[in-house]
Amino acid sequence: MSSTTVTMRRFRPVTVALWVAQVLLALQFAMGGVAKLAGSQTMVAMFAEIGTGQWLRFLVGALELAGAIGLLVPRSCGAAALGLVGLMAGAVLTNVFVLGESPLLPWPSGSWL
C-alpha cells in the first residue's frame, strides 16, 4: 500500500492582486497594440504627426501585443514587463518632446478637471 501526498497551495491576497494587475495590464497593452495594427484613425494620425512613417506604428503595435502576451506567460513576464517599460519610456519622451503633450494621462475634453 502506498501513500500519496496531496499538496494544497494557498493563494495569498498579494499573489492574486498581482495576477489581476498582470491581466489588466496585458488587456490594456493588447487593446493598444490591436488599435495600432488595425489602423485606427487616431493612431494613424498620431504616428503621422510624429513624422517617422507608419512603419513605427506597426512596430510599436507588434511590440505592445507581444508584451501583452508575454505578461501572461510566467517564464517571460519579467522580460515582457521590462520591454514594456522601455516602450512606454519612449512613448513618454515622444509625447513630451515631439508631440508637445503632457506625459500624464490625457482627458477626452483636453482639459484637467
C-alpha atoms as a PDB file:
ATOM      1  CA  MET A   1       0.000   0.000   0.000  1.00  0.00           C
ATOM      2  CA  SER A   2       1.498   3.319  -0.974  1.00  0.00           C
ATOM      3  CA  SER A   3       0.639   6.656   0.463  1.00  0.00           C
ATOM      4  CA  THR A   4       0.192   9.714  -1.658  1.00  0.00           C
ATOM      5  CA  THR A   5       0.591  13.240  -0.515  1.00  0.00           C
ATOM      6  CA  VAL A   6      -1.625  15.945  -1.870  1.00  0.00           C
ATOM      7  CA  THR A   7      -0.145  19.404  -1.754  1.00  0.00           C
ATOM      8  CA  MET A   8      -2.535  22.296  -1.495  1.00  0.00           C
ATOM      9  CA  ARG A   9      -1.316  25.734  -2.449  1.00  0.00           C
ATOM     10  CA  ARG A  10      -2.791  28.652  -0.600  1.00  0.00           C
ATOM     11  CA  PHE A  11      -3.298  31.716  -2.677  1.00  0.00           C
ATOM     12  CA  ARG A  12      -2.282  34.819  -0.850  1.00  0.00           C
ATOM     13  CA  PRO A  13      -4.177  38.043  -1.485  1.00  0.00           C
ATOM     14  CA  VAL A  14      -0.999  39.728  -2.737  1.00  0.00           C
ATOM     15  CA  THR A  15      -0.428  36.971  -5.277  1.00  0.00           C
ATOM     16  CA  VAL A  16      -3.993  37.210  -6.535  1.00  0.00           C
ATOM     17  CA  ALA A  17      -3.721  41.014  -6.730  1.00  0.00           C
ATOM     18  CA  LEU A  18      -0.544  40.709  -8.802  1.00  0.00           C
ATOM     19  CA  TRP A  19      -2.222  38.256 -11.183  1.00  0.00           C
ATOM     20  CA  VAL A  20      -5.174  40.605 -11.577  1.00  0.00           C
ATOM     21  CA  ALA A  21      -2.811  43.523 -12.264  1.00  0.00           C
ATOM     22  CA  GLN A  22      -0.917  41.467 -14.863  1.00  0.00           C
ATOM     23  CA  VAL A  23      -4.111  40.504 -16.651  1.00  0.00           C
ATOM     24  CA  LEU A  24      -5.432  44.081 -16.637  1.00  0.00           C
ATOM     25  CA  LEU A  25      -2.132  45.462 -17.928  1.00  0.00           C
ATOM     26  CA  ALA A  26      -1.982  42.756 -20.583  1.00  0.00           C
ATOM     27  CA  LEU A  27      -5.504  43.674 -21.731  1.00  0.00           C
ATOM     28  CA  GLN A  28      -4.591  47.363 -21.851  1.00  0.00           C
ATOM     29  CA  PHE A  29      -1.458  46.751 -23.914  1.00  0.00           C
ATOM     30  CA  ALA A  30      -3.259  44.274 -26.161  1.00  0.00           C
ATOM     31  CA  MET A  31      -6.007  46.796 -26.908  1.00  0.00           C
ATOM     32  CA  GLY A  32      -3.433  49.469 -27.701  1.00  0.00           C
ATOM     33  CA  GLY A  33      -1.452  47.108 -29.905  1.00  0.00           C
ATOM     34  CA  VAL A  34      -4.523  45.945 -31.793  1.00  0.00           C
ATOM     35  CA  ALA A  35      -5.626  49.564 -32.341  1.00  0.00           C
ATOM     36  CA  LYS A  36      -2.238  50.374 -33.853  1.00  0.00           C
ATOM     37  CA  LEU A  37      -2.104  47.259 -36.015  1.00  0.00           C
ATOM     38  CA  ALA A  38      -5.709  47.643 -37.178  1.00  0.00           C
ATOM     39  CA  GLY A  39      -5.059  51.176 -38.402  1.00  0.00           C
ATOM     40  CA  SER A  40      -7.217  53.200 -36.032  1.00  0.00           C
ATOM     41  CA  GLN A  41      -7.582  56.715 -37.443  1.00  0.00           C
ATOM     42  CA  THR A  42      -6.350  58.217 -34.194  1.00  0.00           C
ATOM     43  CA  MET A  43      -3.210  56.079 -34.240  1.00  0.00           C
ATOM     44  CA  VAL A  44      -2.531  56.722 -37.925  1.00  0.00           C
ATOM     45  CA  ALA A  45      -2.840  60.478 -37.355  1.00  0.00           C
ATOM     46  CA  MET A  46      -0.643  60.403 -34.246  1.00  0.00           C
ATOM     47  CA  PHE A  47       2.164  58.496 -35.943  1.00  0.00           C
ATOM     48  CA  ALA A  48       1.880  60.773 -38.994  1.00  0.00           C
ATOM     49  CA  GLU A  49       2.371  63.739 -36.656  1.00  0.00           C
ATOM     50  CA  ILE A  50       5.434  62.074 -35.143  1.00  0.00           C
ATOM     51  CA  GLY A  51       6.875  62.033 -38.647  1.00  0.00           C
ATOM     52  CA  THR A  52       8.647  58.686 -38.689  1.00  0.00           C
ATOM     53  CA  GLY A  53       6.240  56.939 -41.000  1.00  0.00           C
ATOM     54  CA  GLN A  54       3.651  54.272 -40.383  1.00  0.00           C
ATOM     55  CA  TRP A  55       6.252  51.514 -40.000  1.00  0.00           C
ATOM     56  CA  LEU A  56       6.774  52.722 -36.416  1.00  0.00           C
ATOM     57  CA  ARG A  57       3.053  52.294 -35.709  1.00  0.00           C
ATOM     58  CA  PHE A  58       3.253  48.670 -36.850  1.00  0.00           C
ATOM     59  CA  LEU A  59       6.427  48.067 -34.822  1.00  0.00           C
ATOM     60  CA  VAL A  60       5.010  49.597 -31.642  1.00  0.00           C
ATOM     61  CA  GLY A  61       1.710  47.736 -32.096  1.00  0.00           C
ATOM     62  CA  ALA A  62       3.500  44.417 -32.554  1.00  0.00           C
ATOM     63  CA  LEU A  63       5.730  45.069 -29.534  1.00  0.00           C
ATOM     64  CA  GLU A  64       2.734  46.003 -27.385  1.00  0.00           C
ATOM     65  CA  LEU A  65       0.876  42.868 -28.439  1.00  0.00           C
ATOM     66  CA  ALA A  66       3.930  40.667 -27.841  1.00  0.00           C
ATOM     67  CA  GLY A  67       4.464  42.307 -24.450  1.00  0.00           C
ATOM     68  CA  ALA A  68       0.823  41.731 -23.518  1.00  0.00           C
ATOM     69  CA  ILE A  69       1.123  38.049 -24.345  1.00  0.00           C
ATOM     70  CA  GLY A  70       4.456  37.880 -22.522  1.00  0.00           C
ATOM     71  CA  LEU A  71       2.896  39.309 -19.364  1.00  0.00           C
ATOM     72  CA  LEU A  72       0.578  36.298 -19.211  1.00  0.00           C
ATOM     73  CA  VAL A  73       3.346  33.690 -19.570  1.00  0.00           C
ATOM     74  CA  PRO A  74       5.067  33.086 -16.213  1.00  0.00           C
ATOM     75  CA  ARG A  75       8.525  32.425 -17.686  1.00  0.00           C
ATOM     76  CA  SER A  76       8.525  35.584 -19.765  1.00  0.00           C
ATOM     77  CA  CYS A  77       6.559  38.049 -17.631  1.00  0.00           C
ATOM     78  CA  GLY A  78       9.670  39.734 -16.214  1.00  0.00           C
ATOM     79  CA  ALA A  79      11.277  40.270 -19.612  1.00  0.00           C
ATOM     80  CA  ALA A  80       7.955  41.375 -21.105  1.00  0.00           C
ATOM     81  CA  ALA A  81       7.421  43.896 -18.315  1.00  0.00           C
ATOM     82  CA  LEU A  82      10.935  45.262 -18.776  1.00  0.00           C
ATOM     83  CA  GLY A  83      10.408  45.586 -22.518  1.00  0.00           C
ATOM     84  CA  LEU A  84       7.088  47.364 -21.991  1.00  0.00           C
ATOM     85  CA  VAL A  85       8.725  49.769 -19.524  1.00  0.00           C
ATOM     86  CA  GLY A  86      11.242  50.697 -22.213  1.00  0.00           C
ATOM     87  CA  LEU A  87       8.496  51.075 -24.794  1.00  0.00           C
ATOM     88  CA  MET A  88       6.458  53.315 -22.503  1.00  0.00           C
ATOM     89  CA  ALA A  89       9.527  55.406 -21.623  1.00  0.00           C
ATOM     90  CA  GLY A  90       9.964  56.024 -25.346  1.00  0.00           C
ATOM     91  CA  ALA A  91       6.280  56.911 -25.624  1.00  0.00           C
ATOM     92  CA  VAL A  92       6.536  59.457 -22.801  1.00  0.00           C
ATOM     93  CA  LEU A  93       9.614  61.056 -24.363  1.00  0.00           C
ATOM     94  CA  THR A  94       7.893  61.184 -27.750  1.00  0.00           C
ATOM     95  CA  ASN A  95       4.761  62.745 -26.244  1.00  0.00           C
ATOM     96  CA  VAL A  96       6.743  65.409 -24.418  1.00  0.00           C
ATOM     97  CA  PHE A  97       9.471  66.308 -26.922  1.00  0.00           C
ATOM     98  CA  VAL A  98       7.945  65.508 -30.323  1.00  0.00           C
ATOM     99  CA  LEU A  99       4.207  65.986 -29.845  1.00  0.00           C
ATOM    100  CA  GLY A 100       4.472  68.599 -27.084  1.00  0.00           C
ATOM    101  CA  GLU A 101       1.840  66.915 -24.940  1.00  0.00           C
ATOM    102  CA  SER A 102       1.668  66.240 -21.238  1.00  0.00           C
ATOM    103  CA  PRO A 103       3.222  62.957 -20.073  1.00  0.00           C
ATOM    104  CA  LEU A 104       0.185  62.448 -17.832  1.00  0.00           C
ATOM    105  CA  LEU A 105      -2.998  60.716 -18.905  1.00  0.00           C
ATOM    106  CA  PRO A 106      -4.985  62.912 -21.290  1.00  0.00           C
ATOM    107  CA  TRP A 107      -8.598  63.786 -20.614  1.00  0.00           C
ATOM    108  CA  PRO A 108     -11.013  63.433 -23.530  1.00  0.00           C
ATOM    109  CA  SER A 109     -12.030  67.090 -23.298  1.00  0.00           C
ATOM    110  CA  GLY A 110      -8.407  68.218 -23.408  1.00  0.00           C
ATOM    111  CA  SER A 111      -8.550  69.914 -20.028  1.00  0.00           C
ATOM    112  CA  TRP A 112      -7.939  68.797 -16.471  1.00  0.00           C
ATOM    113  CA  LEU A 113     -10.876  68.602 -14.123  1.00  0.00           C
END
